[in-house]
Amino acid sequence: MKISARNRFSGRVVRVEREGVLVKVWVAVEKVDEVTTLITCEAAKELELKEGDNVEAVFKATEVIIVKGGG
């Protein structure tokens, strides 16, 4: 997958917790203790996120995006 964002960390999902219509995702990354973000339940379902998955935390000016695979 190609993406224009350059601000990103590779990491491992350490926790996934549903909060109403959103899902909170904790990602363990090198050089930083942990990154946490909220994503929609639909996005979490599409990514099939679970603990232990390798992902990338991609930072935009106002948000963090979770990318799984192909990075």
PDB file of N, CA and C in Angstrom:
ATOM      1  N   MET A   1       0.836  -1.173   0.000  1.00  0.00           N
ATOM      2  CA  MET A   1       0.000   0.000   0.000  1.00  0.00           C
ATOM      3  C   MET A   1       0.884   1.239   0.000  1.00  0.00           C
ATOM      4  N   LYS A   2       0.556   2.206  -0.825  1.00  0.00           N
ATOM      5  CA  LYS A   2       1.287   3.468  -0.864  1.00  0.00           C
ATOM      6  C   LYS A   2       0.466   4.524  -0.149  1.00  0.00           C
ATOM      7  N   ILE A   3       1.177   5.385   0.582  1.00  0.00           N
ATOM      8  CA  ILE A   3       0.503   6.444   1.334  1.00  0.00           C
ATOM      9  C   ILE A   3       1.437   7.647   1.377  1.00  0.00           C
ATOM     10  N   SER A   4       0.888   8.847   1.292  1.00  0.00           N
ATOM     11  CA  SER A   4       1.716  10.046   1.235  1.00  0.00           C
ATOM     12  C   SER A   4       2.220  10.496   2.603  1.00  0.00           C
ATOM     13  N   ALA A   5       1.557  10.095   3.664  1.00  0.00           N
ATOM     14  CA  ALA A   5       1.952  10.523   5.014  1.00  0.00           C
ATOM     15  C   ALA A   5       3.343  10.002   5.354  1.00  0.00           C
ATOM     16  N   ARG A   6       4.178  10.843   5.923  1.00  0.00           N
ATOM     17  CA  ARG A   6       5.550  10.458   6.275  1.00  0.00           C
ATOM     18  C   ARG A   6       5.746  10.291   7.783  1.00  0.00           C
ATOM     19  N   ASN A   7       4.824  10.799   8.565  1.00  0.00           N
ATOM     20  CA  ASN A   7       4.925  10.702  10.016  1.00  0.00           C
ATOM     21  C   ASN A   7       4.242   9.424  10.472  1.00  0.00           C
ATOM     22  N   ARG A   8       5.042   8.363  10.677  1.00  0.00           N
ATOM     23  CA  ARG A   8       4.433   7.101  11.078  1.00  0.00           C
ATOM     24  C   ARG A   8       5.407   6.234  11.856  1.00  0.00           C
ATOM     25  N   PHE A   9       4.829   5.376  12.706  1.00  0.00           N
ATOM     26  CA  PHE A   9       5.585   4.420  13.504  1.00  0.00           C
ATOM     27  C   PHE A   9       5.033   3.029  13.243  1.00  0.00           C
ATOM     28  N   SER A  10       5.911   2.050  13.087  1.00  0.00           N
ATOM     29  CA  SER A  10       5.472   0.657  13.033  1.00  0.00           C
ATOM     30  C   SER A  10       5.352   0.163  14.461  1.00  0.00           C
ATOM     31  N   GLY A  11       4.376  -0.689  14.726  1.00  0.00           N
ATOM     32  CA  GLY A  11       4.187  -1.197  16.079  1.00  0.00           C
ATOM     33  C   GLY A  11       3.288  -2.411  16.111  1.00  0.00           C
ATOM     34  N   ARG A  12       2.907  -2.801  17.332  1.00  0.00           N
ATOM     35  CA  ARG A  12       2.076  -3.982  17.554  1.00  0.00           C
ATOM     36  C   ARG A  12       0.884  -3.581  18.397  1.00  0.00           C
ATOM     37  N   VAL A  13      -0.304  -4.032  17.992  1.00  0.00           N
ATOM     38  CA  VAL A  13      -1.519  -3.749  18.754  1.00  0.00           C
ATOM     39  C   VAL A  13      -1.438  -4.494  20.084  1.00  0.00           C
ATOM     40  N   VAL A  14      -1.573  -3.762  21.193  1.00  0.00           N
ATOM     41  CA  VAL A  14      -1.506  -4.395  22.514  1.00  0.00           C
ATOM     42  C   VAL A  14      -2.856  -4.433  23.210  1.00  0.00           C
ATOM     43  N   ARG A  15      -3.815  -3.650  22.687  1.00  0.00           N
ATOM     44  CA  ARG A  15      -5.146  -3.647  23.300  1.00  0.00           C
ATOM     45  C   ARG A  15      -6.146  -3.035  22.327  1.00  0.00           C
ATOM     46  N   VAL A  16      -7.338  -3.609  22.279  1.00  0.00           N
ATOM     47  CA  VAL A  16      -8.433  -3.096  21.461  1.00  0.00           C
ATOM     48  C   VAL A  16      -9.671  -3.100  22.342  1.00  0.00           C
ATOM     49  N   GLU A  17     -10.320  -1.941  22.483  1.00  0.00           N
ATOM     50  CA  GLU A  17     -11.462  -1.835  23.391  1.00  0.00           C
ATOM     51  C   GLU A  17     -12.562  -0.987  22.758  1.00  0.00           C
ATOM     52  N   ARG A  18     -13.764  -1.548  22.671  1.00  0.00           N
ATOM     53  CA  ARG A  18     -14.888  -0.810  22.089  1.00  0.00           C
ATOM     54  C   ARG A  18     -15.406   0.219  23.090  1.00  0.00           C
ATOM     55  N   GLU A  19     -15.664   1.424  22.590  1.00  0.00           N
ATOM     56  CA  GLU A  19     -16.219   2.509  23.397  1.00  0.00           C
ATOM     57  C   GLU A  19     -17.393   3.104  22.637  1.00  0.00           C
ATOM     58  N   GLY A  20     -18.568   2.522  22.782  1.00  0.00           N
ATOM     59  CA  GLY A  20     -19.749   2.993  22.051  1.00  0.00           C
ATOM     60  C   GLY A  20     -19.605   2.723  20.569  1.00  0.00           C
ATOM     61  N   VAL A  21     -19.661   3.801  19.758  1.00  0.00           N
ATOM     62  CA  VAL A  21     -19.541   3.639  18.312  1.00  0.00           C
ATOM     63  C   VAL A  21     -18.089   3.687  17.841  1.00  0.00           C
ATOM     64  N   LEU A  22     -17.156   3.833  18.777  1.00  0.00           N
ATOM     65  CA  LEU A  22     -15.736   3.890  18.447  1.00  0.00           C
ATOM     66  C   LEU A  22     -14.986   2.724  19.071  1.00  0.00           C
ATOM     67  N   VAL A  23     -13.783   2.490  18.584  1.00  0.00           N
ATOM     68  CA  VAL A  23     -12.889   1.479  19.144  1.00  0.00           C
ATOM     69  C   VAL A  23     -11.589   2.183  19.506  1.00  0.00           C
ATOM     70  N   LYS A  24     -11.107   1.974  20.737  1.00  0.00           N
ATOM     71  CA  LYS A  24      -9.839   2.541  21.182  1.00  0.00           C
ATOM     72  C   LYS A  24      -8.761   1.486  20.939  1.00  0.00           C
ATOM     73  N   VAL A  25      -7.672   1.888  20.281  1.00  0.00           N
ATOM     74  CA  VAL A  25      -6.598   0.969  19.912  1.00  0.00           C
ATOM     75  C   VAL A  25      -5.293   1.462  20.526  1.00  0.00           C
ATOM     76  N   TRP A  26      -4.605   0.580  21.252  1.00  0.00           N
ATOM     77  CA  TRP A  26      -3.297   0.876  21.823  1.00  0.00           C
ATOM     78  C   TRP A  26      -2.254   0.171  20.970  1.00  0.00           C
ATOM     79  N   VAL A  27      -1.214   0.907  20.553  1.00  0.00           N
ATOM     80  CA  VAL A  27      -0.154   0.354  19.717  1.00  0.00           C
ATOM     81  C   VAL A  27       1.187   0.587  20.403  1.00  0.00           C
ATOM     82  N   ALA A  28       1.936  -0.495  20.648  1.00  0.00           N
ATOM     83  CA  ALA A  28       3.284  -0.388  21.208  1.00  0.00           C
ATOM     84  C   ALA A  28       4.243  -0.105  20.059  1.00  0.00           C
ATOM     85  N   VAL A  29       5.037   0.964  20.192  1.00  0.00           N
ATOM     86  CA  VAL A  29       5.976   1.342  19.137  1.00  0.00           C
ATOM     87  C   VAL A  29       7.350   1.577  19.741  1.00  0.00           C
ATOM     88  N   GLU A  30       8.396   1.426  18.914  1.00  0.00           N
ATOM     89  CA  GLU A  30       9.753   1.703  19.375  1.00  0.00           C
ATOM     90  C   GLU A  30       9.933   3.204  19.577  1.00  0.00           C
ATOM     91  N   LYS A  31      10.801   3.569  20.478  1.00  0.00           N
ATOM     92  CA  LYS A  31      11.171   4.958  20.770  1.00  0.00           C
ATOM     93  C   LYS A  31      10.060   5.761  21.437  1.00  0.00           C
ATOM     94  N   VAL A  32       8.873   5.205  21.505  1.00  0.00           N
ATOM     95  CA  VAL A  32       7.739   5.837  22.180  1.00  0.00           C
ATOM     96  C   VAL A  32       7.075   4.728  22.972  1.00  0.00           C
ATOM     97  N   ASP A  33       6.636   5.025  24.177  1.00  0.00           N
ATOM     98  CA  ASP A  33       6.031   3.987  25.010  1.00  0.00           C
ATOM     99  C   ASP A  33       4.825   3.355  24.340  1.00  0.00           C
ATOM    100  N   GLU A  34       3.881   4.184  23.896  1.00  0.00           N
ATOM    101  CA  GLU A  34       2.637   3.662  23.339  1.00  0.00           C
ATOM    102  C   GLU A  34       1.888   4.781  22.626  1.00  0.00           C
ATOM    103  N   VAL A  35       1.148   4.423  21.599  1.00  0.00           N
ATOM    104  CA  VAL A  35       0.288   5.358  20.879  1.00  0.00           C
ATOM    105  C   VAL A  35      -1.138   4.855  21.027  1.00  0.00           C
ATOM    106  N   THR A  36      -2.071   5.745  21.332  1.00  0.00           N
ATOM    107  CA  THR A  36      -3.477   5.370  21.480  1.00  0.00           C
ATOM    108  C   THR A  36      -4.307   6.233  20.543  1.00  0.00           C
ATOM    109  N   THR A  37      -5.284   5.628  19.883  1.00  0.00           N
ATOM    110  CA  THR A  37      -6.164   6.370  18.987  1.00  0.00           C
ATOM    111  C   THR A  37      -7.577   5.802  19.031  1.00  0.00           C
ATOM    112  N   LEU A  38      -8.537   6.605  18.640  1.00  0.00           N
ATOM    113  CA  LEU A  38      -9.922   6.155  18.493  1.00  0.00           C
ATOM    114  C   LEU A  38     -10.223   6.021  17.009  1.00  0.00           C
ATOM    115  N   ILE A  39     -10.814   4.898  16.614  1.00  0.00           N
ATOM    116  CA  ILE A  39     -11.250   4.693  15.236  1.00  0.00           C
ATOM    117  C   ILE A  39     -12.691   4.203  15.271  1.00  0.00           C
ATOM    118  N   THR A  40     -13.365   4.253  14.150  1.00  0.00           N
ATOM    119  CA  THR A  40     -14.747   3.782  14.120  1.00  0.00           C
ATOM    120  C   THR A  40     -14.791   2.263  14.230  1.00  0.00           C
ATOM    121  N   CYS A  41     -15.911   1.758  14.722  1.00  0.00           N
ATOM    122  CA  CYS A  41     -16.100   0.305  14.796  1.00  0.00           C
ATOM    123  C   CYS A  41     -16.004  -0.304  13.403  1.00  0.00           C
ATOM    124  N   GLU A  42     -16.533   0.402  12.410  1.00  0.00           N
ATOM    125  CA  GLU A  42     -16.483  -0.086  11.026  1.00  0.00           C
ATOM    126  C   GLU A  42     -15.038  -0.244  10.553  1.00  0.00           C
ATOM    127  N   ALA A  43     -14.187   0.739  10.852  1.00  0.00           N
ATOM    128  CA  ALA A  43     -12.779   0.665  10.459  1.00  0.00           C
ATOM    129  C   ALA A  43     -12.079  -0.489  11.165  1.00  0.00           C
ATOM    130  N   ALA A  44     -12.352  -0.665  12.461  1.00  0.00           N
ATOM    131  CA  ALA A  44     -11.741  -1.764  13.219  1.00  0.00           C
ATOM    132  C   ALA A  44     -12.175  -3.109  12.651  1.00  0.00           C
ATOM    133  N   LYS A  45     -13.442  -3.208  12.264  1.00  0.00           N
ATOM    134  CA  LYS A  45     -13.958  -4.455  11.690  1.00  0.00           C
ATOM    135  C   LYS A  45     -13.304  -4.734  10.338  1.00  0.00           C
ATOM    136  N   GLU A  46     -13.196  -3.714   9.494  1.00  0.00           N
ATOM    137  CA  GLU A  46     -12.566  -3.874   8.178  1.00  0.00           C
ATOM    138  C   GLU A  46     -11.111  -4.309   8.301  1.00  0.00           C
ATOM    139  N   LEU A  47     -10.398  -3.766   9.293  1.00  0.00           N
ATOM    140  CA  LEU A  47      -8.993  -4.120   9.511  1.00  0.00           C
ATOM    141  C   LEU A  47      -8.837  -5.441  10.260  1.00  0.00           C
ATOM    142  N   GLU A  48      -9.947  -5.936  10.828  1.00  0.00           N
ATOM    143  CA  GLU A  48      -9.913  -7.157  11.648  1.00  0.00           C
ATOM    144  C   GLU A  48      -8.838  -7.043  12.729  1.00  0.00           C
ATOM    145  N   LEU A  49      -8.816  -5.893  13.425  1.00  0.00           N
ATOM    146  CA  LEU A  49      -7.789  -5.631  14.433  1.00  0.00           C
ATOM    147  C   LEU A  49      -7.932  -6.533  15.639  1.00  0.00           C
ATOM    148  N   LYS A  50      -6.789  -7.029  16.108  1.00  0.00           N
ATOM    149  CA  LYS A  50      -6.759  -7.816  17.337  1.00  0.00           C
ATOM    150  C   LYS A  50      -5.385  -7.652  17.969  1.00  0.00           C
ATOM    151  N   GLU A  51      -5.308  -7.972  19.255  1.00  0.00           N
ATOM    152  CA  GLU A  51      -4.028  -7.875  19.955  1.00  0.00           C
ATOM    153  C   GLU A  51      -2.989  -8.726  19.246  1.00  0.00           C
ATOM    154  N   GLY A  52      -1.782  -8.192  19.131  1.00  0.00           N
ATOM    155  CA  GLY A  52      -0.681  -8.899  18.488  1.00  0.00           C
ATOM    156  C   GLY A  52      -0.501  -8.553  17.018  1.00  0.00           C
ATOM    157  N   ASP A  53      -1.475  -7.876  16.396  1.00  0.00           N
ATOM    158  CA  ASP A  53      -1.348  -7.478  14.994  1.00  0.00           C
ATOM    159  C   ASP A  53      -0.233  -6.457  14.828  1.00  0.00           C
ATOM    160  N   ASN A  54       0.511  -6.563  13.733  1.00  0.00           N
ATOM    161  CA  ASN A  54       1.497  -5.552  13.380  1.00  0.00           C
ATOM    162  C   ASN A  54       0.803  -4.494  12.537  1.00  0.00           C
ATOM    163  N   VAL A  55       0.959  -3.239  12.928  1.00  0.00           N
ATOM    164  CA  VAL A  55       0.290  -2.124  12.257  1.00  0.00           C
ATOM    165  C   VAL A  55       1.251  -0.947  12.156  1.00  0.00           C
ATOM    166  N   GLU A  56       0.820   0.100  11.488  1.00  0.00           N
ATOM    167  CA  GLU A  56       1.537   1.364  11.476  1.00  0.00           C
ATOM    168  C   GLU A  56       0.604   2.442  11.999  1.00  0.00           C
ATOM    169  N   ALA A  57       1.113   3.294  12.871  1.00  0.00           N
ATOM    170  CA  ALA A  57       0.375   4.460  13.344  1.00  0.00           C
ATOM    171  C   ALA A  57       0.831   5.621  12.467  1.00  0.00           C
ATOM    172  N   VAL A  58      -0.080   6.152  11.673  1.00  0.00           N
ATOM    173  CA  VAL A  58       0.231   7.211  10.718  1.00  0.00           C
ATOM    174  C   VAL A  58      -0.376   8.513  11.228  1.00  0.00           C
ATOM    175  N   PHE A  59       0.447   9.537  11.354  1.00  0.00           N
ATOM    176  CA  PHE A  59       0.011  10.803  11.922  1.00  0.00           C
ATOM    177  C   PHE A  59      -0.267  11.826  10.838  1.00  0.00           C
ATOM    178  N   LYS A  60      -1.478  12.366  10.856  1.00  0.00           N
ATOM    179  CA  LYS A  60      -1.821  13.508  10.017  1.00  0.00           C
ATOM    180  C   LYS A  60      -1.824  14.725  10.938  1.00  0.00           C
ATOM    181  N   ALA A  61      -2.083  15.881  10.395  1.00  0.00           N
ATOM    182  CA  ALA A  61      -2.039  17.105  11.193  1.00  0.00           C
ATOM    183  C   ALA A  61      -2.994  17.056  12.381  1.00  0.00           C
ATOM    184  N   THR A  62      -4.144  16.408  12.220  1.00  0.00           N
ATOM    185  CA  THR A  62      -5.146  16.417  13.283  1.00  0.00           C
ATOM    186  C   THR A  62      -5.576  15.043  13.758  1.00  0.00           C
ATOM    187  N   GLU A  63      -4.937  13.966  13.282  1.00  0.00           N
ATOM    188  CA  GLU A  63      -5.389  12.638  13.670  1.00  0.00           C
ATOM    189  C   GLU A  63      -4.294  11.594  13.508  1.00  0.00           C
ATOM    190  N   VAL A  64      -4.536  10.423  14.074  1.00  0.00           N
ATOM    191  CA  VAL A  64      -3.673   9.258  13.913  1.00  0.00           C
ATOM    192  C   VAL A  64      -4.471   8.220  13.146  1.00  0.00           C
ATOM    193  N   ILE A  65      -3.886   7.642  12.094  1.00  0.00           N
ATOM    194  CA  ILE A  65      -4.546   6.629  11.276  1.00  0.00           C
ATOM    195  C   ILE A  65      -3.852   5.295  11.514  1.00  0.00           C
ATOM    196  N   ILE A  66      -4.626   4.200  11.625  1.00  0.00           N
ATOM    197  CA  ILE A  66      -4.060   2.863  11.789  1.00  0.00           C
ATOM    198  C   ILE A  66      -4.046   2.164  10.438  1.00  0.00           C
ATOM    199  N   VAL A  67      -2.881   1.610  10.048  1.00  0.00           N
ATOM    200  CA  VAL A  67      -2.712   0.892   8.789  1.00  0.00           C
ATOM    201  C   VAL A  67      -2.251  -0.514   9.114  1.00  0.00           C
ATOM    202  N   LYS A  68      -2.896  -1.528   8.528  1.00  0.00           N
ATOM    203  CA  LYS A  68      -2.511  -2.917   8.765  1.00  0.00           C
ATOM    204  C   LYS A  68      -2.051  -3.539   7.457  1.00  0.00           C
ATOM    205  N   GLY A  69      -0.859  -4.151   7.464  1.00  0.00           N
ATOM    206  CA  GLY A  69      -0.351  -4.861   6.295  1.00  0.00           C
ATOM    207  C   GLY A  69       0.138  -3.945   5.189  1.00  0.00           C
ATOM    208  N   GLY A  70       0.932  -4.530   4.313  1.00  0.00           N
ATOM    209  CA  GLY A  70       1.380  -3.841   3.121  1.00  0.00           C
ATOM    210  C   GLY A  70       2.274  -2.640   3.333  1.00  0.00           C
ATOM    211  N   GLY A  71       2.741  -2.408   4.556  1.00  0.00           N
ATOM    212  CA  GLY A  71       3.545  -1.223   4.813  1.00  0.00           C
ATOM    213  C   GLY A  71       4.971  -1.532   4.786  1.00  0.00           C
TER     214      GLY A  71
END
